[in-house]
Amino acid sequence: MTLGSHALGITFFTVNEMKTLIEKIKLDQGLACIPKMKNNGILIVGYGYNLVENPAEMNKKEVDRIRRSHIGVDRAEEILTDSLIKYSVDLGCELPFIKKLNNVRKFALLRMVYDLGSVEQFLQFDQMTAKLCSRDFQLASDYILITGWARQSPEIAKEVVQQILTGTIE
C-alpha cells in the first residue's frame, strides 16, 4: 500500500497526519537494516517491524529471506507504512469507539500498537480499552503505566500517556 487517498480512505488519518506518525515512529524505533532481537525477545527489522507477528502480511518466502539477509531503507519505509495502515483499519474494526477519539489520541494508540507489534497484543490491555471507551483517560493512562510494555518502552509510554491524557501533542 502507499499513502494514496484510496488506502487512507479507510484509516483514521490524512496523508499529512500519517506522514507525521511515520516520522515519529522512525524516531521511536530507529532503523535496523539487519534483523535483530528487541529487548523483549522479538525479532525485528526496519523501523521496529515485528517479523514474528508479520502485520504487513509479507509472504513466508520474503520473511525468511529478510531473516537471513537485510532490507533497504525504502523497503523499511514501505513495511512501516503498510503496517500502520493495516493497524489503523484493524483497530477501527476491533474497537469502533476509537474512531470517535481525537486524532492525537488515535496517533498515540497507533504508536503503542506499532511498538507492541500487533493489534492482538494491544487488545490484551482490556482494562485500558474499557476506560478509553468510557473516555476515562486518566484511568486508561494509569493502566498503561503499570504494564510490562511501559517498562520495556518507557519513553514511548510516557509520551503516549501524555497524549491520551491531554489529547494534545506538546
Protein backbone atom coordinates (compact mmCIF):
# COMPACT_ATOMS: atom_id res chain seq x y z
CA MET A 1 0.00 0.00 0.00
CA THR A 2 1.05 3.58 -0.47
CA LEU A 3 -0.05 6.80 1.15
CA GLY A 4 -2.55 7.41 -1.62
CA SER A 5 -6.02 8.63 -0.79
CA HIS A 6 -7.56 5.24 -1.62
CA ALA A 7 -5.55 3.42 1.04
CA LEU A 8 -6.02 6.18 3.60
CA GLY A 9 -9.74 6.44 2.96
CA ILE A 10 -10.18 3.54 5.34
CA THR A 11 -7.81 4.79 8.06
CA PHE A 12 -8.05 7.46 10.74
CA PHE A 13 -5.62 9.95 9.23
CA THR A 14 -4.99 12.26 6.32
CA VAL A 15 -1.83 11.75 4.25
CA ASN A 16 -0.01 14.52 6.16
CA GLU A 17 -1.06 13.13 9.55
CA MET A 18 0.12 9.65 8.52
CA LYS A 19 3.45 11.10 7.38
CA THR A 20 3.85 12.76 10.80
CA LEU A 21 3.10 9.46 12.54
CA ILE A 22 5.60 7.64 10.31
CA GLU A 23 8.34 10.15 11.12
CA LYS A 24 7.64 9.85 14.86
CA ILE A 25 7.81 6.06 14.73
CA LYS A 26 11.07 6.25 12.79
CA LEU A 27 12.48 8.32 15.66
CA ASP A 28 11.00 5.94 18.26
CA GLN A 29 12.35 2.79 16.66
CA GLY A 30 15.48 3.70 14.75
CA LEU A 31 16.46 1.79 11.61
CA ALA A 32 17.78 -1.78 11.63
CA CYS A 33 18.51 -2.99 8.11
CA ILE A 34 19.72 -6.31 9.54
CA PRO A 35 17.26 -8.28 11.72
CA LYS A 36 17.92 -8.01 15.46
CA MET A 37 16.31 -9.04 18.73
CA LYS A 38 14.37 -6.37 20.58
CA ASN A 39 14.74 -6.22 24.38
CA ASN A 40 11.53 -8.27 24.72
CA GLY A 41 12.96 -11.10 22.59
CA ILE A 42 11.03 -10.27 19.41
CA LEU A 43 12.91 -10.38 16.11
CA ILE A 44 12.62 -7.01 14.34
CA VAL A 45 13.90 -5.35 11.19
CA GLY A 46 13.49 -1.94 9.57
CA TYR A 47 11.74 0.54 11.85
CA GLY A 48 10.92 -1.96 14.59
CA TYR A 49 8.93 -4.27 12.29
CA ASN A 50 7.96 -7.45 14.15
CA LEU A 51 8.96 -10.39 11.94
CA VAL A 52 7.17 -12.83 14.26
CA GLU A 53 3.71 -11.20 14.10
CA ASN A 54 4.24 -10.02 10.48
CA PRO A 55 1.46 -7.38 10.47
CA ALA A 56 2.15 -6.28 6.88
CA GLU A 57 1.41 -9.89 5.93
CA MET A 58 4.53 -10.46 3.88
CA ASN A 59 4.65 -13.88 2.31
CA LYS A 60 6.68 -16.53 4.15
CA LYS A 61 9.36 -16.51 1.46
CA GLU A 62 10.05 -12.79 1.93
CA VAL A 63 10.08 -13.07 5.74
CA ASP A 64 12.56 -15.96 5.51
CA ARG A 65 14.76 -14.01 3.09
CA ILE A 66 14.78 -10.96 5.38
CA ARG A 67 15.63 -13.12 8.41
CA ARG A 68 18.75 -14.37 6.60
CA SER A 69 19.71 -11.11 4.96
CA HIS A 70 18.76 -7.43 5.25
CA ILE A 71 16.41 -4.77 3.88
CA GLY A 72 16.99 -1.32 2.46
CA VAL A 73 15.60 1.98 3.71
CA ASP A 74 12.91 2.13 1.00
CA ARG A 75 11.60 -1.34 1.91
CA ALA A 76 11.69 -0.45 5.63
CA GLU A 77 9.55 2.64 4.96
CA GLU A 78 7.13 0.63 2.82
CA ILE A 79 6.75 -2.00 5.54
CA LEU A 80 6.18 0.70 8.17
CA THR A 81 3.51 2.40 6.06
CA ASP A 82 1.75 -0.87 5.23
CA SER A 83 1.76 -1.89 8.90
CA LEU A 84 0.31 1.42 10.11
CA ILE A 85 -2.46 1.36 7.52
CA LYS A 86 -3.34 -2.21 8.49
CA TYR A 87 -3.21 -1.39 12.23
CA SER A 88 -5.44 1.65 11.72
CA VAL A 89 -8.04 -0.39 9.86
CA ASP A 90 -7.85 -3.31 12.31
CA LEU A 91 -8.18 -1.03 15.36
CA GLY A 92 -11.22 0.65 13.86
CA CYS A 93 -12.84 -2.74 13.26
CA GLU A 94 -11.95 -4.25 16.65
CA LEU A 95 -12.69 -1.15 18.73
CA PRO A 96 -15.13 1.09 16.82
CA PHE A 97 -15.17 3.71 19.62
CA ILE A 98 -11.57 4.61 18.70
CA LYS A 99 -12.92 6.37 15.60
CA LYS A 100 -14.58 8.89 17.96
CA LEU A 101 -11.35 9.80 19.77
CA ASN A 102 -9.46 12.85 18.61
CA ASN A 103 -6.58 12.29 16.20
CA VAL A 104 -3.89 12.87 18.83
CA ARG A 105 -5.25 10.02 20.93
CA LYS A 106 -5.54 7.80 17.85
CA PHE A 107 -1.96 8.74 16.97
CA ALA A 108 -0.82 7.73 20.47
CA LEU A 109 -2.65 4.39 20.33
CA LEU A 110 -1.18 3.53 16.93
CA ARG A 111 2.31 4.26 18.28
CA MET A 112 1.56 1.86 21.11
CA VAL A 113 0.23 -0.83 18.75
CA TYR A 114 3.24 -0.48 16.46
CA ASP A 115 5.67 -0.76 19.36
CA LEU A 116 3.80 -3.79 20.73
CA GLY A 117 3.96 -5.44 17.32
CA SER A 118 0.31 -6.29 16.75
CA VAL A 119 -3.28 -5.24 17.34
CA GLU A 120 -3.76 -8.59 19.10
CA GLN A 121 -1.15 -7.60 21.70
CA PHE A 122 -2.85 -4.23 22.14
CA LEU A 123 -6.26 -5.87 22.66
CA GLN A 124 -4.87 -7.74 25.66
CA PHE A 125 -4.98 -4.41 27.53
CA ASP A 126 -8.70 -4.87 28.07
CA GLN A 127 -8.96 -2.67 31.18
CA MET A 128 -7.26 0.18 29.34
CA THR A 129 -9.50 -0.18 26.29
CA ALA A 130 -12.59 -0.27 28.51
CA LYS A 131 -11.52 3.02 30.12
CA LEU A 132 -10.81 4.54 26.71
CA CYS A 133 -14.28 3.51 25.58
CA SER A 134 -15.83 5.30 28.57
CA ARG A 135 -13.49 8.28 27.91
CA ASP A 136 -11.81 7.88 31.30
CA PHE A 137 -8.41 8.92 30.01
CA GLN A 138 -6.86 9.16 33.48
CA LEU A 139 -7.57 5.52 34.36
CA ALA A 140 -6.66 4.35 30.85
CA SER A 141 -3.30 6.09 31.26
CA ASP A 142 -2.83 4.61 34.72
CA TYR A 143 -3.36 1.12 33.28
CA ILE A 144 -0.77 1.78 30.58
CA LEU A 145 1.83 2.87 33.13
CA ILE A 146 1.63 -0.41 35.08
CA THR A 147 2.16 -2.65 32.06
CA GLY A 148 5.24 -4.58 31.08
CA TRP A 149 5.17 -2.62 27.83
CA ALA A 150 5.62 0.67 29.72
CA ARG A 151 8.66 -0.81 31.48
CA GLN A 152 10.12 -2.03 28.16
CA SER A 153 9.44 1.20 26.24
CA PRO A 154 9.35 3.89 28.96
CA GLU A 155 9.95 6.93 26.72
CA ILE A 156 7.28 5.97 24.20
CA ALA A 157 4.87 5.02 27.01
CA LYS A 158 5.41 8.37 28.73
CA GLU A 159 4.55 10.28 25.54
CA VAL A 160 1.59 8.02 24.73
CA VAL A 161 0.17 8.51 28.23
CA GLN A 162 0.57 12.30 28.00
CA GLN A 163 -1.19 12.37 24.62
CA ILE A 164 -4.04 10.18 25.87
CA LEU A 165 -4.48 12.32 28.98
CA THR A 166 -4.42 15.69 27.25
CA GLY A 167 -5.49 14.91 23.70
CA THR A 168 -2.70 17.22 22.57
CA ILE A 169 0.90 16.96 21.38
CA GLU A 170 3.23 19.05 23.47
